[in-house]
Amino acid sequence: MPLAIIYKKEMPFLDYVLQKPSYGWKDDAGVLIKPTTIKILKEFFSRLNVIKSRKNWLSVFSWLKVFCLSGFFVLFIIFYLSWWTALAAFVYGMIIMGTHGTIWHHRYCTHGAYKFRNSFWRFVTQNLTINVIPEEIYAISHHVHHSKSDQPGDPYNAQAGFLYCFLADVNHQPIAKDLTQVDYERVKSLMAHTGIKANTYSQYLRWGSYVNPYRALLSWILNWSFWYGTFYLLGGHALAVSLFGAAGFWAVGVRTFNYDGHAKGQDKQKEGTDYNKNDKSINQLWPGIVAGEWHNNHHLYPKSARSGFKPYQVDLAWYFIKMMHWFGAITQYKDNKKQFYERYYLPHKNAEN
């Protein structure tokens, strides 16, 4: 048996489930490697090279969507910018796209914070907005993020700088291309509830991904066609182009979130606001209000369907989940608000008094 396989068997699964960058996660002393800008960019373009390896297809696919949406954004600015399209783009890009990302990718695909009644409601929720982020890139790497938050191996460790986080979906988040069949089955178990059909192991070895490229392409075409047609019927090309452009703005902006959400690698936690002291995550007013991303609360209770625990912490994602539960589309959810008050908020408040 190859030594590499023996070594991996001795390591926790989340230590090697992601494709290791050429510059590595940490040095021989266990210290986080902070690659230079040149090294990060070299890794980025190397992993977008499908001629070098077809297994790079998913990263190319993800950024192709960003490129296409950026084209819509340019058209929006040049031809369709007005007060009403700007307002529509703001609401869609800042609130609707952000909240859906929290509902679908974050709280469901990664953490399984709630359960759907059936696959129909799961499919509807998945496609409530313009399709942008591949589920496997987000979900698997996010498990690693929580396991190694702000430690070497965290795929978007803010301490390594902005670009390290911004390009993480290509450089650090894809799954490893050389997993054993047993380990690939573990990847499948983490993704099974999402409804995304998995490659067989032989297909995984060919494509280097959980999702099959042909199914991913078909899903993309159908999703974008449906939403462009719907927006066109509601407001013509002006609305359709504006909202697709707004999705492009979000697609770029969301790649900055974890850098900001972990205080740019600095210690910025506030007493009485940020109760999780195990990493550098912070609660931020703007991401919290527009997307339900009260990030420090989330790191306290990652499997909670609600992260806006305090009265002022608006949580649109939670309101949607609660509404879906109210009319039966969601059968159960986890809510840790009570535990938050009992273990953190009330003891801190009593200590102040």
Protein backbone atom coordinates (compact mmCIF):
# COMPACT_ATOMS: atom_id res chain seq x y z
CA MET A 1 0.00 0.00 0.00
CA PRO A 2 1.42 3.47 -0.93
CA LEU A 3 2.77 5.47 2.02
CA ALA A 4 0.52 8.42 1.14
CA ILE A 5 -2.59 6.28 1.60
CA ILE A 6 -1.33 4.87 4.91
CA TYR A 7 -0.60 8.41 6.13
CA LYS A 8 -4.08 9.62 5.14
CA LYS A 9 -5.70 6.77 7.05
CA GLU A 10 -3.98 8.09 10.18
CA MET A 11 -5.26 11.64 9.58
CA PRO A 12 -8.78 12.95 10.30
CA PHE A 13 -10.87 12.94 7.13
CA LEU A 14 -11.31 16.73 7.09
CA ASP A 15 -7.52 17.14 7.07
CA TYR A 16 -7.24 15.84 3.52
CA VAL A 17 -10.69 15.96 1.92
CA LEU A 18 -9.79 19.23 0.16
CA GLN A 19 -7.24 19.57 -2.62
CA LYS A 20 -4.08 20.88 -0.99
CA PRO A 21 -2.62 24.00 -2.65
CA SER A 22 0.89 23.80 -4.04
CA TYR A 23 2.13 26.15 -1.30
CA GLY A 24 0.58 23.96 1.41
CA TRP A 25 -1.47 24.77 4.49
CA LYS A 26 1.28 24.96 7.11
CA ASP A 27 5.04 24.69 7.47
CA ASP A 28 7.00 21.99 9.30
CA ALA A 29 6.46 23.84 12.60
CA GLY A 30 2.69 23.80 12.09
CA VAL A 31 2.51 27.54 11.36
CA LEU A 32 0.07 28.87 8.77
CA ILE A 33 1.69 29.44 5.39
CA LYS A 34 0.86 32.92 4.07
CA PRO A 35 1.63 32.73 0.35
CA THR A 36 2.63 35.78 -1.64
CA THR A 37 0.24 37.38 -4.10
CA ILE A 38 2.24 35.88 -6.96
CA LYS A 39 1.93 32.37 -5.53
CA ILE A 40 -1.81 32.76 -4.96
CA LEU A 41 -2.40 34.00 -8.51
CA LYS A 42 -0.17 31.28 -9.96
CA GLU A 43 -2.19 28.64 -8.10
CA PHE A 44 -5.45 30.25 -9.23
CA PHE A 45 -4.64 30.22 -12.95
CA SER A 46 -3.08 26.77 -12.73
CA ARG A 47 -6.33 25.39 -11.32
CA LEU A 48 -8.34 27.05 -14.09
CA ASN A 49 -6.31 25.24 -16.73
CA VAL A 50 -8.59 22.53 -18.12
CA ILE A 51 -6.02 21.69 -20.79
CA LYS A 52 -3.64 20.69 -18.02
CA SER A 53 -6.35 18.59 -16.36
CA ARG A 54 -10.05 18.06 -17.05
CA LYS A 55 -10.43 17.76 -13.27
CA ASN A 56 -10.22 21.56 -13.10
CA TRP A 57 -13.57 21.86 -14.86
CA LEU A 58 -15.66 22.78 -11.79
CA SER A 59 -13.50 25.78 -10.89
CA VAL A 60 -13.71 26.99 -14.49
CA PHE A 61 -17.46 26.40 -14.48
CA SER A 62 -17.89 28.42 -11.28
CA TRP A 63 -15.92 31.40 -12.57
CA LEU A 64 -17.54 31.19 -16.01
CA LYS A 65 -20.81 32.03 -14.29
CA VAL A 66 -19.18 35.01 -12.58
CA PHE A 67 -17.78 36.19 -15.94
CA CYS A 68 -21.18 35.89 -17.64
CA LEU A 69 -22.95 37.70 -14.81
CA SER A 70 -20.32 40.44 -14.92
CA GLY A 71 -21.32 41.00 -18.53
CA PHE A 72 -24.91 41.53 -17.42
CA PHE A 73 -23.69 44.00 -14.81
CA VAL A 74 -21.85 46.04 -17.45
CA LEU A 75 -24.97 46.06 -19.67
CA PHE A 76 -27.04 47.15 -16.67
CA ILE A 77 -24.74 50.10 -15.96
CA ILE A 78 -24.51 51.21 -19.59
CA PHE A 79 -28.05 50.68 -20.88
CA TYR A 80 -30.54 50.05 -18.10
CA LEU A 81 -29.49 52.07 -15.07
CA SER A 82 -32.41 54.03 -13.62
CA TRP A 83 -33.83 54.63 -10.17
CA TRP A 84 -36.19 51.66 -10.34
CA THR A 85 -33.71 49.18 -11.83
CA ALA A 86 -31.08 50.29 -9.30
CA LEU A 87 -33.57 49.69 -6.48
CA ALA A 88 -34.53 46.28 -7.88
CA ALA A 89 -30.86 45.34 -8.30
CA PHE A 90 -30.07 46.42 -4.74
CA VAL A 91 -32.90 44.36 -3.24
CA TYR A 92 -32.12 41.32 -5.38
CA GLY A 93 -28.33 41.40 -5.11
CA MET A 94 -27.98 42.46 -1.49
CA ILE A 95 -30.98 40.87 0.18
CA ILE A 96 -32.54 38.11 -1.91
CA MET A 97 -29.33 36.51 -3.20
CA GLY A 98 -27.61 36.85 0.18
CA THR A 99 -30.52 35.45 2.16
CA HIS A 100 -30.93 32.54 -0.24
CA GLY A 101 -27.24 31.73 0.08
CA THR A 102 -27.69 31.50 3.84
CA ILE A 103 -30.88 29.42 3.55
CA TRP A 104 -29.64 26.96 0.95
CA HIS A 105 -25.85 26.69 0.85
CA HIS A 106 -25.08 27.54 4.45
CA ARG A 107 -27.83 26.29 6.74
CA TYR A 108 -29.08 23.40 4.62
CA CYS A 109 -26.37 22.05 2.31
CA THR A 110 -23.60 22.35 4.89
CA HIS A 111 -25.22 22.09 8.28
CA GLY A 112 -28.54 20.34 7.67
CA ALA A 113 -30.21 22.74 10.09
CA TYR A 114 -33.67 21.79 8.82
CA LYS A 115 -35.39 19.08 6.79
CA PHE A 116 -37.74 19.33 3.81
CA ARG A 117 -40.97 17.40 3.59
CA ASN A 118 -40.00 16.07 0.17
CA SER A 119 -37.65 16.56 -2.78
CA PHE A 120 -40.07 18.98 -4.47
CA TRP A 121 -39.67 21.63 -1.79
CA ARG A 122 -35.93 21.03 -1.70
CA PHE A 123 -35.75 21.60 -5.47
CA VAL A 124 -37.86 24.76 -5.25
CA THR A 125 -35.69 26.17 -2.46
CA GLN A 126 -32.50 25.31 -4.32
CA ASN A 127 -33.68 27.24 -7.39
CA LEU A 128 -35.30 30.24 -5.73
CA THR A 129 -32.61 32.47 -7.21
CA ILE A 130 -30.14 32.57 -10.09
CA ASN A 131 -27.75 29.62 -9.82
CA VAL A 132 -24.20 30.75 -9.01
CA ILE A 133 -22.20 28.66 -6.49
CA PRO A 134 -21.67 24.89 -6.96
CA GLU A 135 -22.94 23.17 -3.84
CA GLU A 136 -19.99 20.81 -3.38
CA ILE A 137 -17.44 23.65 -3.47
CA TYR A 138 -19.31 25.44 -0.71
CA ALA A 139 -20.51 22.63 1.53
CA ILE A 140 -17.52 20.29 1.86
CA SER A 141 -15.04 23.12 2.39
CA HIS A 142 -17.33 24.74 4.93
CA HIS A 143 -17.21 21.62 7.09
CA VAL A 144 -13.43 22.01 7.05
CA HIS A 145 -13.74 25.71 7.87
CA HIS A 146 -15.67 24.93 11.06
CA SER A 147 -13.29 22.15 12.00
CA LYS A 148 -10.21 24.37 11.55
CA SER A 149 -11.58 27.88 11.91
CA ASP A 150 -8.71 30.40 11.74
CA GLN A 151 -6.20 27.53 11.93
CA PRO A 152 -3.89 26.14 9.22
CA GLY A 153 -6.07 24.17 6.81
CA ASP A 154 -9.00 26.57 7.06
CA PRO A 155 -9.72 27.09 3.33
CA TYR A 156 -10.48 30.79 3.82
CA ASN A 157 -8.24 31.71 6.71
CA ALA A 158 -8.47 35.50 7.00
CA GLN A 159 -5.05 35.68 8.64
CA ALA A 160 -3.48 34.79 5.28
CA GLY A 161 -4.90 37.91 3.65
CA PHE A 162 -7.72 39.12 1.44
CA LEU A 163 -6.68 37.38 -1.78
CA TYR A 164 -6.22 34.07 0.05
CA CYS A 165 -9.92 34.25 0.95
CA PHE A 166 -11.21 35.86 -2.24
CA LEU A 167 -9.81 33.15 -4.53
CA ALA A 168 -10.39 30.31 -2.07
CA ASP A 169 -13.16 28.71 -4.13
CA VAL A 170 -10.50 27.78 -6.70
CA ASN A 171 -7.32 27.55 -4.62
CA HIS A 172 -8.54 25.89 -1.44
CA GLN A 173 -12.16 24.71 -1.54
CA PRO A 174 -12.43 21.99 -4.24
CA ILE A 175 -12.38 18.41 -3.00
CA ALA A 176 -9.19 16.39 -3.41
CA LYS A 177 -8.80 14.56 -6.72
CA ASP A 178 -7.19 11.39 -5.31
CA LEU A 179 -9.56 10.19 -2.61
CA THR A 180 -9.96 6.48 -2.03
CA GLN A 181 -13.34 4.94 -2.73
CA VAL A 182 -14.02 4.77 1.02
CA ASP A 183 -13.25 8.46 1.43
CA TYR A 184 -15.29 9.38 -1.61
CA GLU A 185 -18.23 7.60 -0.02
CA ARG A 186 -17.76 9.91 2.98
CA VAL A 187 -17.98 12.90 0.65
CA LYS A 188 -21.18 11.45 -0.78
CA SER A 189 -22.62 11.05 2.72
CA LEU A 190 -21.99 14.75 3.41
CA MET A 191 -23.77 15.73 0.20
CA ALA A 192 -26.55 13.12 -0.03
CA HIS A 193 -29.25 15.27 1.60
CA THR A 194 -28.75 18.08 -0.96
CA GLY A 195 -30.34 16.11 -3.78
CA ILE A 196 -27.35 16.74 -6.05
CA LYS A 197 -26.78 13.43 -7.86
CA ALA A 198 -23.29 12.08 -7.24
CA ASN A 199 -20.75 10.84 -9.73
CA THR A 200 -19.86 7.20 -9.40
CA TYR A 201 -16.35 6.61 -8.08
CA SER A 202 -15.05 5.94 -11.59
CA GLN A 203 -16.67 9.17 -12.79
CA TYR A 204 -15.13 11.00 -9.84
CA LEU A 205 -11.68 9.71 -10.84
CA ARG A 206 -12.31 11.01 -14.36
CA TRP A 207 -13.76 14.43 -13.47
CA GLY A 208 -12.37 15.07 -9.99
CA SER A 209 -15.74 16.18 -8.65
CA TYR A 210 -18.86 15.01 -6.86
CA VAL A 211 -21.21 16.50 -9.45
CA ASN A 212 -21.20 15.40 -13.07
CA PRO A 213 -20.36 18.22 -15.53
CA TYR A 214 -23.20 17.37 -17.89
CA ARG A 215 -25.81 17.51 -15.14
CA ALA A 216 -24.27 20.72 -13.80
CA LEU A 217 -24.41 22.32 -17.25
CA LEU A 218 -28.03 21.28 -17.79
CA SER A 219 -29.04 22.61 -14.36
CA TRP A 220 -27.31 25.92 -15.11
CA ILE A 221 -29.03 26.34 -18.49
CA LEU A 222 -32.48 25.50 -17.14
CA ASN A 223 -32.13 27.73 -14.06
CA TRP A 224 -30.87 30.78 -15.95
CA SER A 225 -33.41 30.33 -18.75
CA PHE A 226 -36.26 30.14 -16.26
CA TRP A 227 -35.21 33.22 -14.32
CA TYR A 228 -34.35 35.36 -17.32
CA GLY A 229 -37.71 34.49 -18.87
CA THR A 230 -39.55 35.21 -15.61
CA PHE A 231 -37.81 38.57 -15.09
CA TYR A 232 -38.39 39.49 -18.75
CA LEU A 233 -42.13 38.83 -18.42
CA LEU A 234 -42.21 40.99 -15.28
CA GLY A 235 -40.18 43.93 -16.55
CA GLY A 236 -38.61 43.31 -19.92
CA HIS A 237 -34.89 43.19 -20.65
CA ALA A 238 -34.36 46.12 -18.29
CA LEU A 239 -35.39 44.09 -15.24
CA ALA A 240 -33.84 40.82 -16.41
CA VAL A 241 -30.45 42.34 -17.20
CA SER A 242 -30.49 44.39 -13.99
CA LEU A 243 -31.19 41.40 -11.73
CA PHE A 244 -28.68 39.17 -13.49
CA GLY A 245 -26.16 41.97 -13.09
CA ALA A 246 -27.06 42.20 -9.41
CA ALA A 247 -26.42 38.46 -9.08
CA GLY A 248 -22.98 39.08 -10.57
CA PHE A 249 -22.30 41.80 -8.01
CA TRP A 250 -23.28 39.35 -5.25
CA ALA A 251 -21.15 36.57 -6.78
CA VAL A 252 -18.08 38.76 -6.40
CA GLY A 253 -19.09 40.26 -3.04
CA VAL A 254 -19.82 36.93 -1.35
CA ARG A 255 -16.20 35.94 -1.91
CA THR A 256 -15.18 38.73 0.46
CA PHE A 257 -17.48 37.69 3.30
CA ASN A 258 -15.36 35.28 5.28
CA TYR A 259 -12.41 37.68 5.24
CA ASP A 260 -14.62 40.37 6.77
CA GLY A 261 -16.61 37.91 8.89
CA HIS A 262 -13.39 36.83 10.58
CA ALA A 263 -12.30 40.42 11.20
CA LYS A 264 -9.67 40.42 8.45
CA GLY A 265 -7.61 38.09 10.62
CA GLN A 266 -7.49 40.52 13.53
CA ASP A 267 -8.92 40.41 17.04
CA LYS A 268 -12.02 42.60 16.80
CA GLN A 269 -14.52 40.73 18.94
CA LYS A 270 -16.67 42.87 21.22
CA GLU A 271 -17.63 41.90 24.75
CA GLY A 272 -21.36 41.29 25.01
CA THR A 273 -21.69 40.98 21.22
CA ASP A 274 -19.37 38.14 20.21
CA TYR A 275 -19.59 35.21 22.63
CA ASN A 276 -17.68 32.56 20.68
CA LYS A 277 -14.01 33.00 21.63
CA ASN A 278 -12.67 29.93 19.82
CA ASP A 279 -11.92 31.84 16.61
CA LYS A 280 -11.95 35.37 15.20
CA SER A 281 -15.54 35.38 13.90
CA ILE A 282 -17.59 38.50 14.58
CA ASN A 283 -21.22 39.55 14.35
CA GLN A 284 -21.66 42.29 11.74
CA LEU A 285 -24.75 44.44 11.39
CA TRP A 286 -24.96 44.64 7.58
CA PRO A 287 -24.48 40.94 6.69
CA GLY A 288 -26.75 40.07 9.60
CA ILE A 289 -29.61 42.29 8.44
CA VAL A 290 -29.44 41.55 4.71
CA ALA A 291 -28.60 37.83 4.85
CA GLY A 292 -29.08 36.55 8.41
CA GLU A 293 -25.29 36.09 8.73
CA TRP A 294 -24.66 36.76 12.41
CA HIS A 295 -21.38 34.96 12.02
CA ASN A 296 -20.13 34.73 15.59
CA ASN A 297 -23.54 33.41 16.68
CA HIS A 298 -23.36 30.90 13.85
CA HIS A 299 -19.98 29.65 15.03
CA LEU A 300 -21.49 29.11 18.47
CA TYR A 301 -24.34 27.04 17.05
CA PRO A 302 -23.53 26.07 13.44
CA LYS A 303 -26.43 23.62 13.13
CA SER A 304 -29.06 26.15 14.23
CA ALA A 305 -31.58 27.28 11.60
CA ARG A 306 -31.58 30.65 13.37
CA SER A 307 -28.48 32.73 14.09
CA GLY A 308 -30.16 36.06 14.85
CA PHE A 309 -30.72 35.39 18.55
CA LYS A 310 -31.05 38.87 20.05
CA PRO A 311 -34.15 41.03 19.36
CA TYR A 312 -32.29 43.46 17.07
CA GLN A 313 -30.60 40.66 15.10
CA VAL A 314 -32.87 40.48 12.08
CA ASP A 315 -32.62 37.05 10.43
CA LEU A 316 -34.44 36.92 7.09
CA ALA A 317 -33.17 33.40 6.42
CA TRP A 318 -34.75 32.21 9.68
CA TYR A 319 -38.04 33.94 8.86
CA PHE A 320 -38.17 32.09 5.54
CA ILE A 321 -37.40 28.73 7.17
CA LYS A 322 -40.03 29.36 9.84
CA MET A 323 -42.60 30.32 7.19
CA MET A 324 -41.84 27.17 5.20
CA HIS A 325 -42.29 25.13 8.37
CA TRP A 326 -45.57 26.89 9.10
CA PHE A 327 -47.18 25.68 5.86
CA GLY A 328 -45.56 22.25 5.91
CA ALA A 329 -42.73 22.43 3.36
CA ILE A 330 -40.15 22.02 6.14
CA THR A 331 -40.87 19.30 8.69
CA GLN A 332 -38.29 20.08 11.38
CA TYR A 333 -35.52 22.49 12.25
CA LYS A 334 -33.00 23.22 15.00
CA ASP A 335 -33.23 26.48 16.92
CA ASN A 336 -30.62 27.24 19.57
CA LYS A 337 -31.93 30.60 20.73
CA LYS A 338 -32.90 29.21 24.14
CA GLN A 339 -29.47 27.66 24.66
CA PHE A 340 -27.80 30.91 23.59
CA TYR A 341 -29.69 32.89 26.22
CA GLU A 342 -29.11 30.31 28.95
CA ARG A 343 -25.39 29.72 28.34
CA TYR A 344 -24.16 33.07 27.10
CA TYR A 345 -26.46 36.10 27.08
CA LEU A 346 -28.06 35.86 30.53
CA PRO A 347 -24.87 34.89 32.42
CA HIS A 348 -23.06 37.81 30.79
CA LYS A 349 -25.90 40.19 31.60
CA ASN A 350 -26.06 39.01 35.21
CA ALA A 351 -22.30 39.41 35.56
CA GLU A 352 -22.59 43.02 34.42
CA ASN A 353 -25.23 43.69 37.06
